[in-house]
Amino acid sequence: MEIVELSERKDILEEAIRYFWECWGHDNDFLFYKDFIEHSIDLQTALPRFYLAISKSQIIGTYALLTNDLVSRQDLVPWFACLFVSEPFRNQGIAGKLLAHGLQEASLKGFEQLYLCTDLDNFYEKKGWSYLSKGYNPMGGKVKIYNHKLKEKAL
């Protein structure tokens, strides 16, 4: 398995957009994902960035580093989002590898902390994330916000 940034694999852009949408989208928001991802891959800024776990030329997982994960805490940046591993590949440590990769990428981009929001219990705590506060999504639902301090750069 390899983890690649989508901007480095534009040859699978359409497949990646569809995969992200099938994992996280709804019937009427395909164009949201398509527009968002297409307009992020050529940016010269650190964020947003989309990542793929690929095994034998097949996308088997994803994550993204975003400026916002559609949560009320707009003061927190960056966000680790869209963590997903396809069913046949679960329970093999791939989610942990994607999380570790995201922490490394955020650190390389110069960030001191990384945030995420979730409704899961005990998954991220086991991976070293700390509960920070509650937040709200646009539909009014409550979510838990976690943070992870990143390794400081050596001087």
N, C-alpha and C. Protein backbone atom coordinates (compact mmCIF):
# COMPACT_ATOMS: atom_id res chain seq x y z
N MET A 1 0.84 -1.18 0.00
CA MET A 1 0.00 0.00 0.00
C MET A 1 0.88 1.24 0.00
N GLU A 2 0.46 2.24 -0.74
CA GLU A 2 1.13 3.53 -0.71
C GLU A 2 0.10 4.62 -0.43
N ILE A 3 0.56 5.71 0.17
CA ILE A 3 -0.31 6.86 0.43
C ILE A 3 0.21 8.00 -0.43
N VAL A 4 -0.67 8.54 -1.26
CA VAL A 4 -0.27 9.60 -2.19
C VAL A 4 -1.19 10.81 -2.04
N GLU A 5 -0.61 11.95 -2.32
CA GLU A 5 -1.42 13.17 -2.39
C GLU A 5 -2.05 13.22 -3.78
N LEU A 6 -3.32 13.53 -3.85
CA LEU A 6 -4.05 13.49 -5.11
C LEU A 6 -3.42 14.41 -6.17
N SER A 7 -2.84 15.53 -5.75
CA SER A 7 -2.22 16.43 -6.73
C SER A 7 -1.06 15.76 -7.47
N GLU A 8 -0.53 14.68 -6.90
CA GLU A 8 0.56 13.94 -7.54
C GLU A 8 0.04 12.80 -8.41
N ARG A 9 -1.26 12.55 -8.39
CA ARG A 9 -1.87 11.47 -9.17
C ARG A 9 -3.11 11.97 -9.91
N LYS A 10 -2.93 13.01 -10.69
CA LYS A 10 -4.05 13.58 -11.43
C LYS A 10 -4.64 12.60 -12.43
N ASP A 11 -3.90 11.55 -12.75
CA ASP A 11 -4.40 10.54 -13.68
C ASP A 11 -5.59 9.78 -13.12
N ILE A 12 -5.78 9.81 -11.80
CA ILE A 12 -6.92 9.12 -11.20
C ILE A 12 -7.88 10.11 -10.53
N LEU A 13 -7.85 11.36 -10.98
CA LEU A 13 -8.67 12.41 -10.38
C LEU A 13 -10.15 12.05 -10.36
N GLU A 14 -10.71 11.66 -11.48
CA GLU A 14 -12.14 11.37 -11.54
C GLU A 14 -12.51 10.20 -10.63
N GLU A 15 -11.68 9.17 -10.62
CA GLU A 15 -11.92 8.01 -9.75
C GLU A 15 -11.86 8.44 -8.28
N ALA A 16 -10.89 9.29 -7.95
CA ALA A 16 -10.74 9.76 -6.57
C ALA A 16 -11.93 10.61 -6.14
N ILE A 17 -12.39 11.50 -7.01
CA ILE A 17 -13.55 12.33 -6.67
C ILE A 17 -14.75 11.44 -6.38
N ARG A 18 -14.98 10.47 -7.23
CA ARG A 18 -16.12 9.57 -7.04
C ARG A 18 -15.97 8.77 -5.74
N TYR A 19 -14.75 8.33 -5.43
CA TYR A 19 -14.52 7.57 -4.20
C TYR A 19 -14.81 8.43 -2.98
N PHE A 20 -14.27 9.65 -2.93
CA PHE A 20 -14.55 10.55 -1.80
C PHE A 20 -16.05 10.77 -1.66
N TRP A 21 -16.72 11.03 -2.78
CA TRP A 21 -18.16 11.30 -2.74
C TRP A 21 -18.93 10.07 -2.26
N GLU A 22 -18.56 8.89 -2.76
CA GLU A 22 -19.27 7.68 -2.33
C GLU A 22 -19.06 7.42 -0.84
N CYS A 23 -17.91 7.80 -0.30
CA CYS A 23 -17.63 7.60 1.12
C CYS A 23 -18.34 8.63 1.99
N TRP A 24 -18.38 9.87 1.54
CA TRP A 24 -18.81 10.97 2.41
C TRP A 24 -19.99 11.78 1.90
N GLY A 25 -20.33 11.64 0.64
CA GLY A 25 -21.36 12.49 0.06
C GLY A 25 -22.77 11.97 0.23
N HIS A 26 -23.69 12.72 -0.35
CA HIS A 26 -25.11 12.38 -0.36
C HIS A 26 -25.61 12.50 -1.79
N ASP A 27 -26.82 12.08 -2.03
CA ASP A 27 -27.37 12.04 -3.38
C ASP A 27 -27.20 13.34 -4.16
N ASN A 28 -27.34 14.48 -3.50
CA ASN A 28 -27.37 15.75 -4.23
C ASN A 28 -26.12 16.59 -4.09
N ASP A 29 -25.00 16.04 -3.61
CA ASP A 29 -23.83 16.91 -3.44
C ASP A 29 -22.58 16.44 -4.19
N PHE A 30 -22.75 15.64 -5.24
CA PHE A 30 -21.58 15.21 -6.01
C PHE A 30 -20.81 16.41 -6.56
N LEU A 31 -21.51 17.42 -7.07
CA LEU A 31 -20.84 18.58 -7.65
C LEU A 31 -20.05 19.36 -6.60
N PHE A 32 -20.51 19.34 -5.35
CA PHE A 32 -19.75 19.97 -4.27
C PHE A 32 -18.38 19.33 -4.15
N TYR A 33 -18.34 18.00 -4.07
CA TYR A 33 -17.08 17.28 -3.95
C TYR A 33 -16.21 17.47 -5.19
N LYS A 34 -16.81 17.37 -6.35
CA LYS A 34 -16.07 17.53 -7.61
C LYS A 34 -15.43 18.91 -7.69
N ASP A 35 -16.19 19.94 -7.44
CA ASP A 35 -15.69 21.31 -7.54
C ASP A 35 -14.62 21.57 -6.48
N PHE A 36 -14.87 21.13 -5.27
CA PHE A 36 -13.94 21.32 -4.16
C PHE A 36 -12.60 20.66 -4.46
N ILE A 37 -12.63 19.40 -4.84
CA ILE A 37 -11.39 18.66 -5.08
C ILE A 37 -10.67 19.16 -6.32
N GLU A 38 -11.39 19.40 -7.41
CA GLU A 38 -10.75 19.88 -8.63
C GLU A 38 -10.04 21.21 -8.41
N HIS A 39 -10.61 22.08 -7.60
CA HIS A 39 -10.01 23.40 -7.38
C HIS A 39 -8.96 23.41 -6.27
N SER A 40 -8.68 22.27 -5.70
CA SER A 40 -7.66 22.21 -4.66
C SER A 40 -6.35 21.60 -5.14
N ILE A 41 -6.38 20.84 -6.21
CA ILE A 41 -5.19 20.07 -6.56
C ILE A 41 -4.06 20.90 -7.16
N ASP A 42 -4.35 22.07 -7.70
CA ASP A 42 -3.29 22.89 -8.28
C ASP A 42 -2.93 24.10 -7.43
N LEU A 43 -3.47 24.17 -6.24
CA LEU A 43 -3.18 25.30 -5.37
C LEU A 43 -1.72 25.28 -4.92
N GLN A 44 -1.18 26.47 -4.70
CA GLN A 44 0.18 26.57 -4.18
C GLN A 44 0.16 26.71 -2.66
N THR A 45 -1.03 26.74 -2.07
CA THR A 45 -1.15 26.82 -0.62
C THR A 45 -1.08 25.44 0.01
N ALA A 46 -0.84 25.39 1.31
CA ALA A 46 -0.70 24.12 2.02
C ALA A 46 -2.02 23.35 2.10
N LEU A 47 -3.12 24.05 2.12
CA LEU A 47 -4.44 23.43 2.29
C LEU A 47 -5.43 23.99 1.28
N PRO A 48 -6.42 23.23 0.92
CA PRO A 48 -6.73 21.84 1.28
C PRO A 48 -5.92 20.85 0.46
N ARG A 49 -5.79 19.64 1.01
CA ARG A 49 -5.09 18.54 0.35
C ARG A 49 -5.84 17.24 0.59
N PHE A 50 -5.88 16.43 -0.45
CA PHE A 50 -6.58 15.15 -0.41
C PHE A 50 -5.59 14.02 -0.64
N TYR A 51 -5.73 12.95 0.14
CA TYR A 51 -4.79 11.83 0.12
C TYR A 51 -5.52 10.52 -0.11
N LEU A 52 -4.82 9.60 -0.76
CA LEU A 52 -5.39 8.31 -1.10
C LEU A 52 -4.47 7.19 -0.65
N ALA A 53 -5.05 6.15 -0.10
CA ALA A 53 -4.33 4.90 0.14
C ALA A 53 -4.62 4.03 -1.08
N ILE A 54 -3.56 3.56 -1.72
CA ILE A 54 -3.70 2.78 -2.95
C ILE A 54 -2.99 1.45 -2.78
N SER A 55 -3.69 0.40 -3.16
CA SER A 55 -3.11 -0.95 -3.15
C SER A 55 -3.43 -1.62 -4.46
N LYS A 56 -2.40 -2.06 -5.16
CA LYS A 56 -2.58 -2.76 -6.44
C LYS A 56 -3.47 -1.94 -7.38
N SER A 57 -3.18 -0.65 -7.51
CA SER A 57 -3.88 0.29 -8.40
C SER A 57 -5.33 0.54 -8.01
N GLN A 58 -5.71 0.17 -6.79
CA GLN A 58 -7.08 0.37 -6.32
C GLN A 58 -7.07 1.33 -5.12
N ILE A 59 -7.97 2.31 -5.14
CA ILE A 59 -8.11 3.19 -3.99
C ILE A 59 -8.80 2.41 -2.89
N ILE A 60 -8.15 2.35 -1.72
CA ILE A 60 -8.72 1.59 -0.61
C ILE A 60 -8.98 2.45 0.63
N GLY A 61 -8.59 3.72 0.57
CA GLY A 61 -8.82 4.60 1.71
C GLY A 61 -8.50 6.04 1.38
N THR A 62 -8.92 6.93 2.27
CA THR A 62 -8.72 8.35 2.04
C THR A 62 -8.54 9.10 3.35
N TYR A 63 -8.05 10.32 3.22
CA TYR A 63 -8.14 11.35 4.24
C TYR A 63 -7.87 12.67 3.57
N ALA A 64 -8.16 13.75 4.28
CA ALA A 64 -7.91 15.09 3.76
C ALA A 64 -7.41 15.98 4.89
N LEU A 65 -6.65 16.98 4.51
CA LEU A 65 -6.27 18.07 5.41
C LEU A 65 -6.99 19.30 4.89
N LEU A 66 -7.82 19.90 5.74
CA LEU A 66 -8.70 20.98 5.30
C LEU A 66 -8.58 22.21 6.19
N THR A 67 -9.04 23.33 5.66
CA THR A 67 -9.12 24.56 6.46
C THR A 67 -10.36 24.55 7.34
N ASN A 68 -11.34 23.71 7.00
CA ASN A 68 -12.59 23.65 7.74
C ASN A 68 -13.26 22.32 7.46
N ASP A 69 -13.79 21.69 8.49
CA ASP A 69 -14.50 20.43 8.31
C ASP A 69 -16.00 20.60 8.54
N LEU A 70 -16.52 21.75 8.11
CA LEU A 70 -17.95 22.06 8.26
C LEU A 70 -18.40 21.88 9.70
N VAL A 71 -17.64 22.48 10.61
CA VAL A 71 -17.95 22.45 12.03
C VAL A 71 -17.87 23.88 12.55
N SER A 72 -18.57 24.15 13.63
CA SER A 72 -18.71 25.51 14.13
C SER A 72 -17.40 26.16 14.58
N ARG A 73 -16.40 25.40 14.91
CA ARG A 73 -15.14 25.97 15.41
C ARG A 73 -14.24 26.41 14.25
N GLN A 74 -14.61 27.53 13.65
CA GLN A 74 -13.87 28.09 12.53
C GLN A 74 -12.51 28.65 12.95
N ASP A 75 -12.29 28.79 14.25
CA ASP A 75 -11.03 29.34 14.75
C ASP A 75 -9.91 28.30 14.76
N LEU A 76 -10.23 27.04 14.52
CA LEU A 76 -9.24 25.97 14.57
C LEU A 76 -8.83 25.55 13.16
N VAL A 77 -7.53 25.43 12.93
CA VAL A 77 -6.99 25.04 11.62
C VAL A 77 -5.66 24.35 11.85
N PRO A 78 -5.36 23.31 11.10
CA PRO A 78 -6.09 22.61 10.05
C PRO A 78 -6.89 21.44 10.63
N TRP A 79 -7.72 20.88 9.78
CA TRP A 79 -8.59 19.77 10.15
C TRP A 79 -8.17 18.51 9.41
N PHE A 80 -8.12 17.42 10.15
CA PHE A 80 -7.96 16.09 9.57
C PHE A 80 -9.38 15.59 9.31
N ALA A 81 -9.67 15.22 8.07
CA ALA A 81 -11.06 14.87 7.73
C ALA A 81 -11.07 13.72 6.72
N CYS A 82 -12.25 13.20 6.51
CA CYS A 82 -12.52 12.21 5.46
C CYS A 82 -11.72 10.93 5.60
N LEU A 83 -11.42 10.52 6.83
CA LEU A 83 -10.73 9.25 7.03
C LEU A 83 -11.70 8.12 6.69
N PHE A 84 -11.29 7.30 5.76
CA PHE A 84 -12.14 6.18 5.35
C PHE A 84 -11.26 5.05 4.83
N VAL A 85 -11.61 3.83 5.18
CA VAL A 85 -10.96 2.64 4.65
C VAL A 85 -12.06 1.71 4.16
N SER A 86 -11.94 1.24 2.92
CA SER A 86 -12.94 0.34 2.34
C SER A 86 -13.08 -0.91 3.19
N GLU A 87 -14.30 -1.40 3.26
CA GLU A 87 -14.65 -2.54 4.12
C GLU A 87 -13.69 -3.73 4.04
N PRO A 88 -13.33 -4.20 2.85
CA PRO A 88 -12.46 -5.39 2.81
C PRO A 88 -11.06 -5.16 3.38
N PHE A 89 -10.67 -3.91 3.57
CA PHE A 89 -9.33 -3.59 4.02
C PHE A 89 -9.28 -3.10 5.47
N ARG A 90 -10.39 -3.15 6.15
CA ARG A 90 -10.44 -2.70 7.54
C ARG A 90 -9.77 -3.71 8.47
N ASN A 91 -9.44 -3.24 9.66
CA ASN A 91 -8.80 -4.05 10.70
C ASN A 91 -7.44 -4.59 10.27
N GLN A 92 -6.75 -3.82 9.43
CA GLN A 92 -5.41 -4.18 8.99
C GLN A 92 -4.40 -3.07 9.32
N GLY A 93 -4.84 -2.08 10.11
CA GLY A 93 -3.94 -0.99 10.49
C GLY A 93 -3.86 0.15 9.49
N ILE A 94 -4.66 0.11 8.46
CA ILE A 94 -4.58 1.14 7.42
C ILE A 94 -5.04 2.50 7.95
N ALA A 95 -6.10 2.52 8.73
CA ALA A 95 -6.57 3.80 9.30
C ALA A 95 -5.48 4.43 10.15
N GLY A 96 -4.79 3.64 10.93
CA GLY A 96 -3.69 4.14 11.75
C GLY A 96 -2.56 4.71 10.89
N LYS A 97 -2.27 4.05 9.78
CA LYS A 97 -1.24 4.55 8.87
C LYS A 97 -1.66 5.86 8.22
N LEU A 98 -2.93 5.96 7.86
CA LEU A 98 -3.44 7.22 7.29
C LEU A 98 -3.39 8.34 8.32
N LEU A 99 -3.78 8.04 9.55
CA LEU A 99 -3.69 9.04 10.63
C LEU A 99 -2.26 9.51 10.83
N ALA A 100 -1.32 8.57 10.91
CA ALA A 100 0.09 8.93 11.11
C ALA A 100 0.61 9.76 9.94
N HIS A 101 0.22 9.40 8.75
CA HIS A 101 0.63 10.15 7.56
C HIS A 101 0.09 11.57 7.62
N GLY A 102 -1.17 11.71 8.03
CA GLY A 102 -1.77 13.04 8.14
C GLY A 102 -1.05 13.91 9.16
N LEU A 103 -0.68 13.33 10.28
CA LEU A 103 0.07 14.08 11.30
C LEU A 103 1.41 14.53 10.75
N GLN A 104 2.08 13.65 10.04
CA GLN A 104 3.37 13.99 9.45
C GLN A 104 3.23 15.09 8.40
N GLU A 105 2.23 14.96 7.53
CA GLU A 105 2.00 15.97 6.49
C GLU A 105 1.70 17.34 7.10
N ALA A 106 0.84 17.37 8.12
CA ALA A 106 0.50 18.64 8.77
C ALA A 106 1.73 19.26 9.41
N SER A 107 2.55 18.45 10.02
CA SER A 107 3.79 18.93 10.63
C SER A 107 4.73 19.50 9.57
N LEU A 108 4.89 18.79 8.46
CA LEU A 108 5.75 19.26 7.37
C LEU A 108 5.24 20.58 6.78
N LYS A 109 3.95 20.81 6.86
CA LYS A 109 3.37 22.05 6.36
C LYS A 109 3.48 23.18 7.38
N GLY A 110 4.07 22.89 8.54
CA GLY A 110 4.35 23.92 9.52
C GLY A 110 3.30 24.13 10.59
N PHE A 111 2.32 23.26 10.68
CA PHE A 111 1.28 23.40 11.69
C PHE A 111 1.74 22.81 13.01
N GLU A 112 1.25 23.38 14.11
CA GLU A 112 1.62 22.91 15.44
C GLU A 112 0.62 21.92 16.02
N GLN A 113 -0.63 21.98 15.54
CA GLN A 113 -1.67 21.06 16.00
C GLN A 113 -2.54 20.68 14.81
N LEU A 114 -3.22 19.57 14.97
CA LEU A 114 -4.19 19.12 13.97
C LEU A 114 -5.47 18.81 14.71
N TYR A 115 -6.61 19.10 14.09
CA TYR A 115 -7.92 18.94 14.72
C TYR A 115 -8.76 17.98 13.89
N LEU A 116 -9.74 17.38 14.55
CA LEU A 116 -10.75 16.59 13.84
C LEU A 116 -12.04 16.63 14.62
N CYS A 117 -13.13 16.35 13.94
CA CYS A 117 -14.42 16.22 14.62
C CYS A 117 -14.99 14.85 14.28
N THR A 118 -15.71 14.30 15.24
CA THR A 118 -16.23 12.95 15.07
C THR A 118 -17.40 12.70 16.00
N ASP A 119 -18.14 11.66 15.69
CA ASP A 119 -19.15 11.17 16.62
C ASP A 119 -18.75 9.78 17.14
N LEU A 120 -17.56 9.31 16.76
CA LEU A 120 -17.06 8.02 17.23
C LEU A 120 -16.60 8.11 18.68
N ASP A 121 -16.70 7.00 19.37
CA ASP A 121 -16.21 6.90 20.74
C ASP A 121 -14.98 6.00 20.78
N ASN A 122 -13.94 6.46 21.45
CA ASN A 122 -12.74 5.69 21.77
C ASN A 122 -11.83 5.31 20.61
N PHE A 123 -12.13 5.71 19.40
CA PHE A 123 -11.24 5.37 18.29
C PHE A 123 -10.01 6.29 18.29
N TYR A 124 -10.25 7.58 18.27
CA TYR A 124 -9.13 8.53 18.17
C TYR A 124 -8.34 8.63 19.47
N GLU A 125 -8.99 8.42 20.59
CA GLU A 125 -8.27 8.42 21.87
C GLU A 125 -7.18 7.36 21.86
N LYS A 126 -7.49 6.20 21.31
CA LYS A 126 -6.52 5.10 21.24
C LYS A 126 -5.35 5.43 20.32
N LYS A 127 -5.53 6.41 19.47
CA LYS A 127 -4.50 6.81 18.52
C LYS A 127 -3.73 8.05 18.99
N GLY A 128 -3.97 8.47 20.26
CA GLY A 128 -3.21 9.58 20.82
C GLY A 128 -3.84 10.96 20.69
N TRP A 129 -5.07 11.02 20.22
CA TRP A 129 -5.77 12.30 20.11
C TRP A 129 -6.41 12.65 21.44
N SER A 130 -6.53 13.94 21.73
CA SER A 130 -7.12 14.42 22.99
C SER A 130 -8.41 15.17 22.72
N TYR A 131 -9.42 14.87 23.55
CA TYR A 131 -10.69 15.60 23.44
C TYR A 131 -10.44 17.07 23.77
N LEU A 132 -10.96 17.98 22.93
CA LEU A 132 -10.78 19.41 23.12
C LEU A 132 -12.07 20.09 23.55
N SER A 133 -13.14 19.86 22.81
CA SER A 133 -14.41 20.51 23.13
C SER A 133 -15.51 19.93 22.26
N LYS A 134 -16.71 20.43 22.46
CA LYS A 134 -17.80 20.05 21.56
C LYS A 134 -17.93 21.14 20.50
N GLY A 135 -18.55 20.77 19.41
CA GLY A 135 -18.83 21.70 18.32
C GLY A 135 -20.14 21.28 17.68
N TYR A 136 -20.53 22.01 16.64
CA TYR A 136 -21.81 21.74 15.99
C TYR A 136 -21.62 21.74 14.48
N ASN A 137 -22.33 20.83 13.83
CA ASN A 137 -22.31 20.81 12.37
C ASN A 137 -23.43 21.71 11.85
N PRO A 138 -23.48 21.99 10.54
CA PRO A 138 -24.50 22.90 9.99
C PRO A 138 -25.94 22.46 10.21
N MET A 139 -26.16 21.17 10.46
CA MET A 139 -27.52 20.68 10.70
C MET A 139 -27.90 20.77 12.18
N GLY A 140 -26.99 21.30 13.00
CA GLY A 140 -27.26 21.46 14.42
C GLY A 140 -26.84 20.30 15.28
N GLY A 141 -26.27 19.29 14.67
CA GLY A 141 -25.82 18.14 15.44
C GLY A 141 -24.55 18.43 16.22
N LYS A 142 -24.44 17.83 17.38
CA LYS A 142 -23.26 18.00 18.22
C LYS A 142 -22.18 17.01 17.81
N VAL A 143 -20.93 17.49 17.75
CA VAL A 143 -19.79 16.63 17.45
C VAL A 143 -18.71 16.86 18.50
N LYS A 144 -17.84 15.86 18.63
CA LYS A 144 -16.70 15.97 19.53
C LYS A 144 -15.50 16.45 18.71
N ILE A 145 -14.76 17.40 19.26
CA ILE A 145 -13.57 17.93 18.59
C ILE A 145 -12.34 17.45 19.35
N TYR A 146 -11.41 16.92 18.60
CA TYR A 146 -10.15 16.42 19.15
C TYR A 146 -8.99 17.20 18.55
N ASN A 147 -7.87 17.20 19.28
CA ASN A 147 -6.66 17.76 18.72
C ASN A 147 -5.49 16.83 18.97
N HIS A 148 -4.45 17.03 18.19
CA HIS A 148 -3.22 16.26 18.35
C HIS A 148 -2.07 17.23 18.14
N LYS A 149 -1.25 17.37 19.15
CA LYS A 149 -0.06 18.23 19.03
C LYS A 149 0.92 17.54 18.10
N LEU A 150 1.55 18.34 17.25
CA LEU A 150 2.50 17.80 16.29
C LEU A 150 3.91 17.95 16.79
N LYS A 151 4.78 17.11 16.32
CA LYS A 151 6.18 17.18 16.73
C LYS A 151 6.77 18.52 16.30
N GLU A 152 7.54 19.09 17.21
CA GLU A 152 8.21 20.34 16.88
C GLU A 152 9.35 20.07 15.92
N LYS A 153 9.57 21.03 15.04
CA LYS A 153 10.67 20.92 14.09
C LYS A 153 11.99 21.13 14.80
N ALA A 154 12.98 20.39 14.40
CA ALA A 154 14.33 20.56 14.96
C ALA A 154 14.92 21.84 14.41
N LEU A 155 15.58 22.58 15.28
CA LEU A 155 16.20 23.84 14.85
C LEU A 155 17.61 23.61 14.36
